[in-house]
C-alpha atoms as a PDB file:
ATOM      1  CA  UNK A   1     -84.540  53.205  91.263  1.00  0.00           C
ATOM      2  CA  UNK A   2     -83.548  54.714  94.628  1.00  0.00           C
ATOM      3  CA  UNK A   3     -81.330  52.729  97.018  1.00  0.00           C
ATOM      4  CA  UNK A   4     -84.147  52.504  99.579  1.00  0.00           C
ATOM      5  CA  UNK A   5     -86.561  51.227  96.968  1.00  0.00           C
ATOM      6  CA  UNK A   6     -83.994  48.671  95.775  1.00  0.00           C
ATOM      7  CA  UNK A   7     -83.539  47.402  99.321  1.00  0.00           C
ATOM      8  CA  UNK A   8     -87.295  47.119  99.874  1.00  0.00           C
ATOM      9  CA  UNK A   9     -87.613  45.189  96.611  1.00  0.00           C
ATOM     10  CA  UNK A  10     -84.737  42.851  97.457  1.00  0.00           C
ATOM     11  CA  UNK A  11     -86.106  41.992 100.902  1.00  0.00           C
ATOM     12  CA  UNK A  12     -89.671  41.567  99.635  1.00  0.00           C
ATOM     13  CA  UNK A  13     -88.595  39.370  96.709  1.00  0.00           C
ATOM     14  CA  UNK A  14     -86.749  37.113  99.154  1.00  0.00           C
ATOM     15  CA  UNK A  15     -89.892  36.802 101.236  1.00  0.00           C
ATOM     16  CA  UNK A  16     -91.944  36.109  98.102  1.00  0.00           C
ATOM     17  CA  UNK A  17     -89.665  33.235  97.117  1.00  0.00           C
ATOM     18  CA  UNK A  18     -89.969  31.686 100.586  1.00  0.00           C
ATOM     19  CA  UNK A  19     -93.753  32.098 100.532  1.00  0.00           C
ATOM     20  CA  UNK A  20     -94.108  30.507  97.109  1.00  0.00           C
ATOM     21  CA  UNK A  21     -92.128  27.446  98.187  1.00  0.00           C
ATOM     22  CA  UNK A  22     -94.170  27.139 101.386  1.00  0.00           C
ATOM     23  CA  UNK A  23     -97.506  27.537  99.582  1.00  0.00           C
ATOM     24  CA  UNK A  24     -96.788  24.517  97.375  1.00  0.00           C
ATOM     25  CA  UNK A  25     -95.239  22.434 100.173  1.00  0.00           C
ATOM     26  CA  UNK A  26     -98.040  23.150 102.671  1.00  0.00           C
ATOM     27  CA  UNK A  27    -100.867  22.429 100.263  1.00  0.00           C
ATOM     28  CA  UNK A  28     -99.296  19.111  99.249  1.00  0.00           C
ATOM     29  CA  UNK A  29     -98.587  18.223 102.901  1.00  0.00           C
ATOM     30  CA  UNK A  30    -102.094  19.262 103.950  1.00  0.00           C
ATOM     31  CA  UNK A  31    -103.831  17.191 101.280  1.00  0.00           C
ATOM     32  CA  UNK A  32    -101.550  14.138 101.492  1.00  0.00           C
ATOM     33  CA  UNK A  33    -101.330  14.391 105.293  1.00  0.00           C
ATOM     34  CA  UNK A  34    -105.106  14.903 105.743  1.00  0.00           C
ATOM     35  CA  UNK A  35    -104.608  18.024 107.876  1.00  0.00           C
ATOM     36  CA  UNK A  36    -107.122  20.879 107.880  1.00  0.00           C
ATOM     37  CA  UNK A  37    -104.757  22.910 110.051  1.00  0.00           C
ATOM     38  CA  UNK A  38    -102.013  22.568 107.449  1.00  0.00           C
ATOM     39  CA  UNK A  39    -104.345  23.508 104.601  1.00  0.00           C
ATOM     40  CA  UNK A  40    -105.384  26.580 106.630  1.00  0.00           C
ATOM     41  CA  UNK A  41    -101.699  27.344 107.122  1.00  0.00           C
ATOM     42  CA  UNK A  42    -101.198  27.046 103.365  1.00  0.00           C
ATOM     43  CA  UNK A  43    -103.997  29.560 102.767  1.00  0.00           C
ATOM     44  CA  UNK A  44    -102.227  31.892 105.178  1.00  0.00           C
ATOM     45  CA  UNK A  45     -99.060  31.536 103.096  1.00  0.00           C
ATOM     46  CA  UNK A  46    -101.076  32.424  99.984  1.00  0.00           C
ATOM     47  CA  UNK A  47    -102.091  35.658 101.717  1.00  0.00           C
ATOM     48  CA  UNK A  48     -98.417  36.257 102.559  1.00  0.00           C
ATOM     49  CA  UNK A  49     -97.499  35.885  98.898  1.00  0.00           C
ATOM     50  CA  UNK A  50    -100.325  38.220  97.861  1.00  0.00           C
ATOM     51  CA  UNK A  51     -99.221  40.895 100.333  1.00  0.00           C
ATOM     52  CA  UNK A  52     -95.661  40.653  99.011  1.00  0.00           C
ATOM     53  CA  UNK A  53     -97.058  41.622  95.615  1.00  0.00           C
ATOM     54  CA  UNK A  54     -98.958  44.521  97.214  1.00  0.00           C
ATOM     55  CA  UNK A  55     -95.775  45.801  98.861  1.00  0.00           C
ATOM     56  CA  UNK A  56     -93.806  45.543  95.614  1.00  0.00           C
ATOM     57  CA  UNK A  57     -96.459  47.498  93.726  1.00  0.00           C
ATOM     58  CA  UNK A  58     -97.155  50.180  96.319  1.00  0.00           C
ATOM     59  CA  UNK A  59     -93.563  50.831  97.356  1.00  0.00           C
ATOM     60  CA  UNK A  60     -92.687  51.675  93.750  1.00  0.00           C
ATOM     61  CA  UNK A  61     -95.591  54.134  93.611  1.00  0.00           C
ATOM     62  CA  UNK A  62     -94.724  55.624  97.019  1.00  0.00           C
ATOM     63  CA  UNK A  63     -91.210  56.519  95.809  1.00  0.00           C
ATOM     64  CA  UNK A  64     -92.448  58.626  92.921  1.00  0.00           C
ATOM     65  CA  UNK A  65     -91.470  62.305  93.281  1.00  0.00           C
ATOM     66  CA  UNK A  66     -93.955  65.101  93.920  1.00  0.00           C
ATOM     67  CA  UNK A  67     -96.121  66.008  90.951  1.00  0.00           C
ATOM     68  CA  UNK A  68     -98.964  68.360  90.070  1.00  0.00           C
ATOM     69  CA  UNK A  69    -101.627  66.150  91.652  1.00  0.00           C
ATOM     70  CA  UNK A  70     -99.555  65.062  94.688  1.00  0.00           C
ATOM     71  CA  UNK A  71     -97.908  68.101  96.283  1.00  0.00           C
ATOM     72  CA  UNK A  72     -96.854  66.061  99.317  1.00  0.00           C
ATOM     73  CA  UNK A  73     -95.499  63.141  97.299  1.00  0.00           C
ATOM     74  CA  UNK A  74     -96.861  59.589  97.133  1.00  0.00           C
ATOM     75  CA  UNK A  75     -95.832  58.317 100.583  1.00  0.00           C
ATOM     76  CA  UNK A  76     -99.424  57.527 101.615  1.00  0.00           C
ATOM     77  CA  UNK A  77     -99.462  54.663  99.119  1.00  0.00           C
ATOM     78  CA  UNK A  78     -97.097  52.814 101.458  1.00  0.00           C
ATOM     79  CA  UNK A  79     -99.538  53.421 104.315  1.00  0.00           C
ATOM     80  CA  UNK A  80    -102.353  52.144 102.110  1.00  0.00           C
ATOM     81  CA  UNK A  81    -100.317  48.984 101.479  1.00  0.00           C
ATOM     82  CA  UNK A  82    -100.010  48.477 105.244  1.00  0.00           C
ATOM     83  CA  UNK A  83    -103.776  48.792 105.625  1.00  0.00           C
ATOM     84  CA  UNK A  84    -104.477  46.345 102.787  1.00  0.00           C
ATOM     85  CA  UNK A  85    -102.140  43.814 104.395  1.00  0.00           C
ATOM     86  CA  UNK A  86    -104.098  44.164 107.641  1.00  0.00           C
ATOM     87  CA  UNK A  87    -107.391  43.609 105.795  1.00  0.00           C
ATOM     88  CA  UNK A  88    -105.973  40.537 104.035  1.00  0.00           C
ATOM     89  CA  UNK A  89    -104.763  39.090 107.329  1.00  0.00           C
ATOM     90  CA  UNK A  90    -108.113  39.669 109.006  1.00  0.00           C
ATOM     91  CA  UNK A  91    -110.014  38.002 106.146  1.00  0.00           C
ATOM     92  CA  UNK A  92    -107.696  34.983 106.227  1.00  0.00           C
ATOM     93  CA  UNK A  93    -108.041  34.692 110.011  1.00  0.00           C
ATOM     94  CA  UNK A  94    -111.839  34.718 109.866  1.00  0.00           C
ATOM     95  CA  UNK A  95    -111.824  32.030 107.174  1.00  0.00           C
ATOM     96  CA  UNK A  96    -109.491  29.821 109.203  1.00  0.00           C
ATOM     97  CA  UNK A  97    -111.600  30.303 112.329  1.00  0.00           C
ATOM     98  CA  UNK A  98    -114.863  29.394 110.581  1.00  0.00           C
ATOM     99  CA  UNK A  99    -113.470  26.255 108.953  1.00  0.00           C
ATOM    100  CA  UNK A 100    -111.965  25.078 112.239  1.00  0.00           C
ATOM    101  CA  UNK A 101    -115.251  25.671 114.065  1.00  0.00           C
ATOM    102  CA  UNK A 102    -117.166  23.612 111.481  1.00  0.00           C
ATOM    103  CA  UNK A 103    -114.883  20.611 112.001  1.00  0.00           C
ATOM    104  CA  UNK A 104    -115.035  20.847 115.771  1.00  0.00           C
ATOM    105  CA  UNK A 105    -118.835  20.993 115.597  1.00  0.00           C
ATOM    106  CA  UNK A 106    -118.848  17.931 113.328  1.00  0.00           C
ATOM    107  CA  UNK A 107    -116.612  16.060 115.813  1.00  0.00           C
ATOM    108  CA  UNK A 108    -118.757  17.127 118.794  1.00  0.00           C
ATOM    109  CA  UNK A 109    -121.836  15.619 117.093  1.00  0.00           C
ATOM    110  CA  UNK A 110    -120.120  12.241 116.868  1.00  0.00           C
ATOM    111  CA  UNK A 111    -118.329  12.623 113.539  1.00  0.00           C
ATOM    112  CA  UNK A 112    -114.908  11.100 112.963  1.00  0.00           C
ATOM    113  CA  UNK A 113    -112.081  13.309 111.810  1.00  0.00           C
ATOM    114  CA  UNK A 114    -109.160  11.977 109.776  1.00  0.00           C
ATOM    115  CA  UNK A 115    -105.927  11.765 111.719  1.00  0.00           C
ATOM    116  CA  UNK A 116    -103.185  13.931 110.138  1.00  0.00           C
ATOM    117  CA  UNK A 117     -99.993  12.339 108.818  1.00  0.00           C
ATOM    118  CA  UNK A 118     -96.300  12.914 109.560  1.00  0.00           C
ATOM    119  CA  UNK A 119     -95.738  14.893 106.342  1.00  0.00           C
ATOM    120  CA  UNK A 120     -98.053  17.623 107.658  1.00  0.00           C
ATOM    121  CA  UNK A 121     -96.008  17.852 110.864  1.00  0.00           C
ATOM    122  CA  UNK A 122     -92.735  18.107 108.913  1.00  0.00           C
ATOM    123  CA  UNK A 123     -94.214  20.884 106.778  1.00  0.00           C
ATOM    124  CA  UNK A 124     -95.229  22.814 109.904  1.00  0.00           C
ATOM    125  CA  UNK A 125     -91.738  22.546 111.415  1.00  0.00           C
ATOM    126  CA  UNK A 126     -90.053  23.632 108.165  1.00  0.00           C
ATOM    127  CA  UNK A 127     -92.460  26.567 107.930  1.00  0.00           C
ATOM    128  CA  UNK A 128     -91.675  27.717 111.490  1.00  0.00           C
ATOM    129  CA  UNK A 129     -87.942  27.803 110.722  1.00  0.00           C
ATOM    130  CA  UNK A 130     -88.170  29.544 107.335  1.00  0.00           C
ATOM    131  CA  UNK A 131     -90.794  32.089 108.356  1.00  0.00           C
ATOM    132  CA  UNK A 132     -89.050  33.088 111.577  1.00  0.00           C
ATOM    133  CA  UNK A 133     -85.793  33.643 109.659  1.00  0.00           C
ATOM    134  CA  UNK A 134     -87.680  35.678 107.063  1.00  0.00           C
ATOM    135  CA  UNK A 135     -89.370  37.732 109.812  1.00  0.00           C
ATOM    136  CA  UNK A 136     -86.045  38.560 111.488  1.00  0.00           C
ATOM    137  CA  UNK A 137     -84.454  39.594 108.189  1.00  0.00           C
ATOM    138  CA  UNK A 138     -87.434  41.673 107.009  1.00  0.00           C
ATOM    139  CA  UNK A 139     -87.965  43.371 110.386  1.00  0.00           C
ATOM    140  CA  UNK A 140     -84.296  44.343 110.647  1.00  0.00           C
ATOM    141  CA  UNK A 141     -84.333  45.857 107.157  1.00  0.00           C
ATOM    142  CA  UNK A 142     -87.698  47.577 107.773  1.00  0.00           C
ATOM    143  CA  UNK A 143     -86.287  49.289 110.867  1.00  0.00           C
ATOM    144  CA  UNK A 144     -83.199  50.398 108.940  1.00  0.00           C
ATOM    145  CA  UNK A 145     -85.287  51.785 106.047  1.00  0.00           C
ATOM    146  CA  UNK A 146     -88.168  53.045 108.249  1.00  0.00           C
ATOM    147  CA  UNK A 147     -90.706  51.359 105.961  1.00  0.00           C
ATOM    148  CA  UNK A 148     -94.158  50.897 107.487  1.00  0.00           C
ATOM    149  CA  UNK A 149     -95.252  48.541 104.701  1.00  0.00           C
ATOM    150  CA  UNK A 150     -92.173  46.356 105.230  1.00  0.00           C
ATOM    151  CA  UNK A 151     -92.773  46.303 108.981  1.00  0.00           C
ATOM    152  CA  UNK A 152     -96.340  45.195 108.348  1.00  0.00           C
ATOM    153  CA  UNK A 153     -95.098  42.522 105.969  1.00  0.00           C
ATOM    154  CA  UNK A 154     -92.504  41.387 108.532  1.00  0.00           C
ATOM    155  CA  UNK A 155     -95.255  40.836 111.106  1.00  0.00           C
ATOM    156  CA  UNK A 156     -97.197  38.978 108.439  1.00  0.00           C
ATOM    157  CA  UNK A 157     -94.202  36.605 108.221  1.00  0.00           C
ATOM    158  CA  UNK A 158     -94.146  36.316 112.028  1.00  0.00           C
ATOM    159  CA  UNK A 159     -97.884  35.580 112.085  1.00  0.00           C
ATOM    160  CA  UNK A 160     -97.265  32.756 109.622  1.00  0.00           C
ATOM    161  CA  UNK A 161     -94.533  31.376 111.890  1.00  0.00           C
ATOM    162  CA  UNK A 162     -96.914  31.546 114.872  1.00  0.00           C
ATOM    163  CA  UNK A 163     -99.581  29.959 112.715  1.00  0.00           C
ATOM    164  CA  UNK A 164     -97.240  27.065 112.002  1.00  0.00           C
ATOM    165  CA  UNK A 165     -96.403  26.702 115.713  1.00  0.00           C
ATOM    166  CA  UNK A 166    -100.078  26.225 116.518  1.00  0.00           C
ATOM    167  CA  UNK A 167    -100.426  23.929 113.530  1.00  0.00           C
ATOM    168  CA  UNK A 168     -97.448  21.817 114.632  1.00  0.00           C
ATOM    169  CA  UNK A 169     -98.844  21.467 118.164  1.00  0.00           C
ATOM    170  CA  UNK A 170    -102.265  20.430 116.873  1.00  0.00           C
ATOM    171  CA  UNK A 171    -100.937  18.016 114.267  1.00  0.00           C
ATOM    172  CA  UNK A 172     -98.324  16.566 116.626  1.00  0.00           C
ATOM    173  CA  UNK A 173    -100.904  16.046 119.358  1.00  0.00           C
ATOM    174  CA  UNK A 174    -103.361  14.408 116.959  1.00  0.00           C
ATOM    175  CA  UNK A 175    -100.639  12.038 115.692  1.00  0.00           C
ATOM    176  CA  UNK A 176     -99.156  11.099 119.059  1.00  0.00           C
ATOM    177  CA  UNK A 177    -102.426  10.776 121.027  1.00  0.00           C
ATOM    178  CA  UNK A 178    -104.353   8.745 118.462  1.00  0.00           C
ATOM    179  CA  UNK A 179    -107.323   9.134 116.128  1.00  0.00           C
ATOM    180  CA  UNK A 180    -109.859  10.141 118.770  1.00  0.00           C
ATOM    181  CA  UNK A 181    -107.706  13.240 119.399  1.00  0.00           C
ATOM    182  CA  UNK A 182    -107.738  14.270 115.733  1.00  0.00           C
ATOM    183  CA  UNK A 183    -109.909  17.209 116.852  1.00  0.00           C
ATOM    184  CA  UNK A 184    -106.680  18.860 118.047  1.00  0.00           C
ATOM    185  CA  UNK A 185    -105.957  19.627 114.388  1.00  0.00           C
ATOM    186  CA  UNK A 186    -108.948  21.994 113.841  1.00  0.00           C
ATOM    187  CA  UNK A 187    -108.558  23.344 117.383  1.00  0.00           C
ATOM    188  CA  UNK A 188    -105.018  24.376 116.380  1.00  0.00           C
ATOM    189  CA  UNK A 189    -106.389  26.089 113.286  1.00  0.00           C
ATOM    190  CA  UNK A 190    -108.765  28.178 115.438  1.00  0.00           C
ATOM    191  CA  UNK A 191    -105.907  29.170 117.771  1.00  0.00           C
ATOM    192  CA  UNK A 192    -103.955  30.221 114.693  1.00  0.00           C
ATOM    193  CA  UNK A 193    -106.905  32.302 113.498  1.00  0.00           C
ATOM    194  CA  UNK A 194    -107.106  34.121 116.835  1.00  0.00           C
ATOM    195  CA  UNK A 195    -103.410  35.018 116.732  1.00  0.00           C
ATOM    196  CA  UNK A 196    -103.713  36.358 113.202  1.00  0.00           C
ATOM    197  CA  UNK A 197    -106.754  38.480 114.129  1.00  0.00           C
ATOM    198  CA  UNK A 198    -104.670  40.234 116.817  1.00  0.00           C
ATOM    199  CA  UNK A 199    -101.886  41.044 114.340  1.00  0.00           C
ATOM    200  CA  UNK A 200    -104.406  42.214 111.733  1.00  0.00           C
ATOM    201  CA  UNK A 201    -106.161  44.570 114.164  1.00  0.00           C
ATOM    202  CA  UNK A 202    -102.837  46.129 115.182  1.00  0.00           C
ATOM    203  CA  UNK A 203    -101.869  46.715 111.541  1.00  0.00           C
ATOM    204  CA  UNK A 204    -105.283  48.162 110.685  1.00  0.00           C
ATOM    205  CA  UNK A 205    -105.148  50.462 113.708  1.00  0.00           C
ATOM    206  CA  UNK A 206    -101.767  51.874 112.644  1.00  0.00           C
ATOM    207  CA  UNK A 207    -102.607  52.074 108.949  1.00  0.00           C
ATOM    208  CA  UNK A 208    -105.990  53.704 109.447  1.00  0.00           C
ATOM    209  CA  UNK A 209    -104.491  56.106 111.988  1.00  0.00           C
ATOM    210  CA  UNK A 210    -102.037  57.381 109.391  1.00  0.00           C
ATOM    211  CA  UNK A 211    -104.634  57.540 106.625  1.00  0.00           C
ATOM    212  CA  UNK A 212    -106.874  59.572 108.957  1.00  0.00           C
ATOM    213  CA  UNK A 213    -103.990  62.011 109.604  1.00  0.00           C
ATOM    214  CA  UNK A 214    -103.219  60.852 113.135  1.00  0.00           C
ATOM    215  CA  UNK A 215    -100.645  63.061 114.865  1.00  0.00           C
ATOM    216  CA  UNK A 216     -97.149  61.830 115.652  1.00  0.00           C
ATOM    217  CA  UNK A 217     -96.588  60.426 119.183  1.00  0.00           C
ATOM    218  CA  UNK A 218     -96.268  62.928 122.037  1.00  0.00           C
ATOM    219  CA  UNK A 219     -92.593  62.116 122.535  1.00  0.00           C
ATOM    220  CA  UNK A 220     -91.849  62.998 118.899  1.00  0.00           C
ATOM    221  CA  UNK A 221     -93.822  66.252 119.064  1.00  0.00           C
ATOM    222  CA  UNK A 222     -92.036  67.244 122.291  1.00  0.00           C
ATOM    223  CA  UNK A 223     -88.694  66.525 120.631  1.00  0.00           C
ATOM    224  CA  UNK A 224     -89.684  68.739 117.674  1.00  0.00           C
ATOM    225  CA  UNK A 225     -90.464  71.628 120.033  1.00  0.00           C
ATOM    226  CA  UNK A 226     -87.141  71.147 121.847  1.00  0.00           C
ATOM    227  CA  UNK A 227     -85.228  71.243 118.544  1.00  0.00           C
ATOM    228  CA  UNK A 228     -86.936  74.475 117.461  1.00  0.00           C
ATOM    229  CA  UNK A 229     -86.167  76.172 120.780  1.00  0.00           C
ATOM    230  CA  UNK A 230     -82.420  75.649 120.163  1.00  0.00           C
ATOM    231  CA  UNK A 231     -82.422  78.503 117.629  1.00  0.00           C
ATOM    232  CA  UNK A 232     -81.616  81.806 119.403  1.00  0.00           C
ATOM    233  CA  UNK A 233     -84.388  84.380 119.239  1.00  0.00           C
ATOM    234  CA  UNK A 234     -87.152  81.835 118.652  1.00  0.00           C
ATOM    235  CA  UNK A 235     -89.800  81.664 121.389  1.00  0.00           C
ATOM    236  CA  UNK A 236     -93.113  79.996 122.115  1.00  0.00           C
ATOM    237  CA  UNK A 237     -93.518  77.505 119.270  1.00  0.00           C
ATOM    238  CA  UNK A 238     -97.256  76.757 119.106  1.00  0.00           C
ATOM    239  CA  UNK A 239    -100.083  75.397 116.939  1.00  0.00           C
ATOM    240  CA  UNK A 240     -97.901  72.375 116.149  1.00  0.00           C
ATOM    241  CA  UNK A 241     -99.484  70.011 113.603  1.00  0.00           C
ATOM    242  CA  UNK A 242     -97.801  66.714 112.668  1.00  0.00           C
ATOM    243  CA  UNK A 243     -98.519  63.582 110.657  1.00  0.00           C
ATOM    244  CA  UNK A 244     -96.820  60.825 108.704  1.00  0.00           C
ATOM    245  CA  UNK A 245     -96.648  60.711 104.925  1.00  0.00           C
ATOM    246  CA  UNK A 246     -95.475  57.159 104.274  1.00  0.00           C
ATOM    247  CA  UNK A 247     -92.032  56.923 105.879  1.00  0.00           C
ATOM    248  CA  UNK A 248     -91.663  60.725 106.140  1.00  0.00           C
ATOM    249  CA  UNK A 249     -92.920  63.318 108.633  1.00  0.00           C
ATOM    250  CA  UNK A 250     -94.919  66.483 107.969  1.00  0.00           C
ATOM    251  CA  UNK A 251     -94.404  69.278 110.528  1.00  0.00           C
ATOM    252  CA  UNK A 252     -96.268  72.589 110.643  1.00  0.00           C
ATOM    253  CA  UNK A 253     -96.087  75.200 113.414  1.00  0.00           C
ATOM    254  CA  UNK A 254     -96.160  78.853 114.417  1.00  0.00           C
ATOM    255  CA  UNK A 255     -93.280  80.579 116.236  1.00  0.00           C
ATOM    256  CA  UNK A 256     -92.627  83.989 117.779  1.00  0.00           C
ATOM    257  CA  UNK A 257     -89.685  86.300 116.952  1.00  0.00           C
ATOM    258  CA  UNK A 258     -88.771  89.899 117.724  1.00  0.00           C
ATOM    259  CA  UNK A 259     -90.912  91.950 115.337  1.00  0.00           C
ATOM    260  CA  UNK A 260     -88.139  94.551 114.874  1.00  0.00           C
ATOM    261  CA  UNK A 261     -85.462  92.279 113.394  1.00  0.00           C
ATOM    262  CA  UNK A 262     -84.786  92.452 109.619  1.00  0.00           C
ATOM    263  CA  UNK A 263     -86.744  90.103 107.356  1.00  0.00           C
ATOM    264  CA  UNK A 264     -83.472  88.474 106.248  1.00  0.00           C
ATOM    265  CA  UNK A 265     -82.600  87.589 109.854  1.00  0.00           C
ATOM    266  CA  UNK A 266     -86.062  86.113 110.473  1.00  0.00           C
ATOM    267  CA  UNK A 267     -85.739  84.093 107.274  1.00  0.00           C
ATOM    268  CA  UNK A 268     -82.304  82.789 108.306  1.00  0.00           C
ATOM    269  CA  UNK A 269     -83.629  81.683 111.692  1.00  0.00           C
ATOM    270  CA  UNK A 270     -86.547  79.842 110.065  1.00  0.00           C
ATOM    271  CA  UNK A 271     -84.101  78.193 107.637  1.00  0.00           C
ATOM    272  CA  UNK A 272     -81.934  77.089 110.567  1.00  0.00           C
ATOM    273  CA  UNK A 273     -84.961  75.456 112.205  1.00  0.00           C
ATOM    274  CA  UNK A 274     -85.731  73.590 108.983  1.00  0.00           C
ATOM    275  CA  UNK A 275     -82.116  72.420 108.765  1.00  0.00           C
ATOM    276  CA  UNK A 276     -82.155  71.065 112.318  1.00  0.00           C
ATOM    277  CA  UNK A 277     -85.479  69.268 111.820  1.00  0.00           C
ATOM    278  CA  UNK A 278     -84.389  67.697 108.528  1.00  0.00           C
ATOM    279  CA  UNK A 279     -81.095  66.707 110.093  1.00  0.00           C
ATOM    280  CA  UNK A 280     -83.071  64.794 112.733  1.00  0.00           C
ATOM    281  CA  UNK A 281     -85.977  63.417 110.674  1.00  0.00           C
ATOM    282  CA  UNK A 282     -84.637  63.227 107.120  1.00  0.00           C
ATOM    283  CA  UNK A 283     -84.334  65.463 104.078  1.00  0.00           C
ATOM    284  CA  UNK A 284     -87.794  64.486 102.823  1.00  0.00           C
ATOM    285  CA  UNK A 285     -89.464  65.943 105.926  1.00  0.00           C
ATOM    286  CA  UNK A 286     -92.172  68.454 104.984  1.00  0.00           C
ATOM    287  CA  UNK A 287     -91.792  71.581 107.140  1.00  0.00           C
ATOM    288  CA  UNK A 288     -93.960  74.704 107.242  1.00  0.00           C
ATOM    289  CA  UNK A 289     -93.113  77.455 109.766  1.00  0.00           C
ATOM    290  CA  UNK A 290     -95.242  80.565 110.231  1.00  0.00           C
ATOM    291  CA  UNK A 291     -93.397  83.443 111.906  1.00  0.00           C
ATOM    292  CA  UNK A 292     -95.296  85.896 114.133  1.00  0.00           C
ATOM    293  CA  UNK A 293     -93.958  89.026 115.869  1.00  0.00           C
ATOM    294  CA  UNK A 294     -93.702  88.739 119.653  1.00  0.00           C
ATOM    295  CA  UNK A 295     -96.652  90.189 121.533  1.00  0.00           C
ATOM    296  CA  UNK A 296     -99.113  89.426 118.728  1.00  0.00           C
ATOM    297  CA  UNK A 297     -99.716  85.709 119.326  1.00  0.00           C
ATOM    298  CA  UNK A 298    -103.395  84.998 118.802  1.00  0.00           C
ATOM    299  CA  UNK A 299    -105.048  83.474 121.866  1.00  0.00           C
ATOM    300  CA  UNK A 300    -106.182  79.886 121.244  1.00  0.00           C
END
C-alpha cells in the first residue's frame, strides 16, 4: 500500500472511530433527552460514518495502477467518492429539514412539544469539540496529500460540527426558556439542514465538474503556459486542454518549434517540458505535447 494511501486510510479510520462513538452517544442522548434536533444530528453522524466507508473503499481503488481498461489510471474513483459524499449530505439535509418542519407545523397548530433534557445539550457540546478537532486534522492532511475525497470528508466533519452548534443553541434555548419554547429544538434542526445543503451543493458542484471534465482554473493553465515557455526554442503554446484525474492533472497542448532542427533536439525539448511540468505538478501528471513546425500553426 502506497504511503499516500496509508495516510488517507489512517486519517479516515480516525474519523470513523469518532463518528461511531458520536452516533451511539447522540442517539441515546436524543431519545433519553427527548430532542428531535439531537436525533437529527445523530442521523447526520450516521451519514458521516457511511461516507468514511465510501472514502476507504474508493481511495483504495483510485490508487490502483493503470491497466488495460483504464489507460489514465483510476483517479476518477476518488472524484466519484466526493460526489457520493455530496449526494449523501444533501439527502440527510432534506430529511432533517422535513422532520423539523413537521414539528414546527404541529406546534403552530397548538400541539405541545416535549422539552429536551440536559443530556442532549451535553451530547451537542461534546460533538462540537470532537468534530471540529477531526475537521482540522482531516483538512490539514487532505491539503498535504491533495486528496479531493478527504477534503470533502473533512467538510463533512465540519458540517457535523456546525450541525451540533445549531443543535446546542436550539436545545439550550428550549431548556433555559421553558417548555413553551421547545419549538426552538426543531427550528435548530431546520437551521442545521440549511447549512448542510450549502456544503452538499458545493461538494456536488466540484465533484460533478471534475466528472464532466471541467478544465483546471485559469491561474493553473496560465502557470502551465509560463512553465512551457521557459524551454528555449519553444514558442506559441496553444490548444491547451486540462482536467483533473483524481488528485492528478492531465495536460495536453500543441507547441511550435523551428522545423529545421533535428528530431532528437525537438524530442529533448519536449522531454524537458515534461520534466518541468512533472516537477511542478507531480510525477503522476499525464502530459501530451504535439510539436508543430513554426509557420504551419493551423488557424483556430
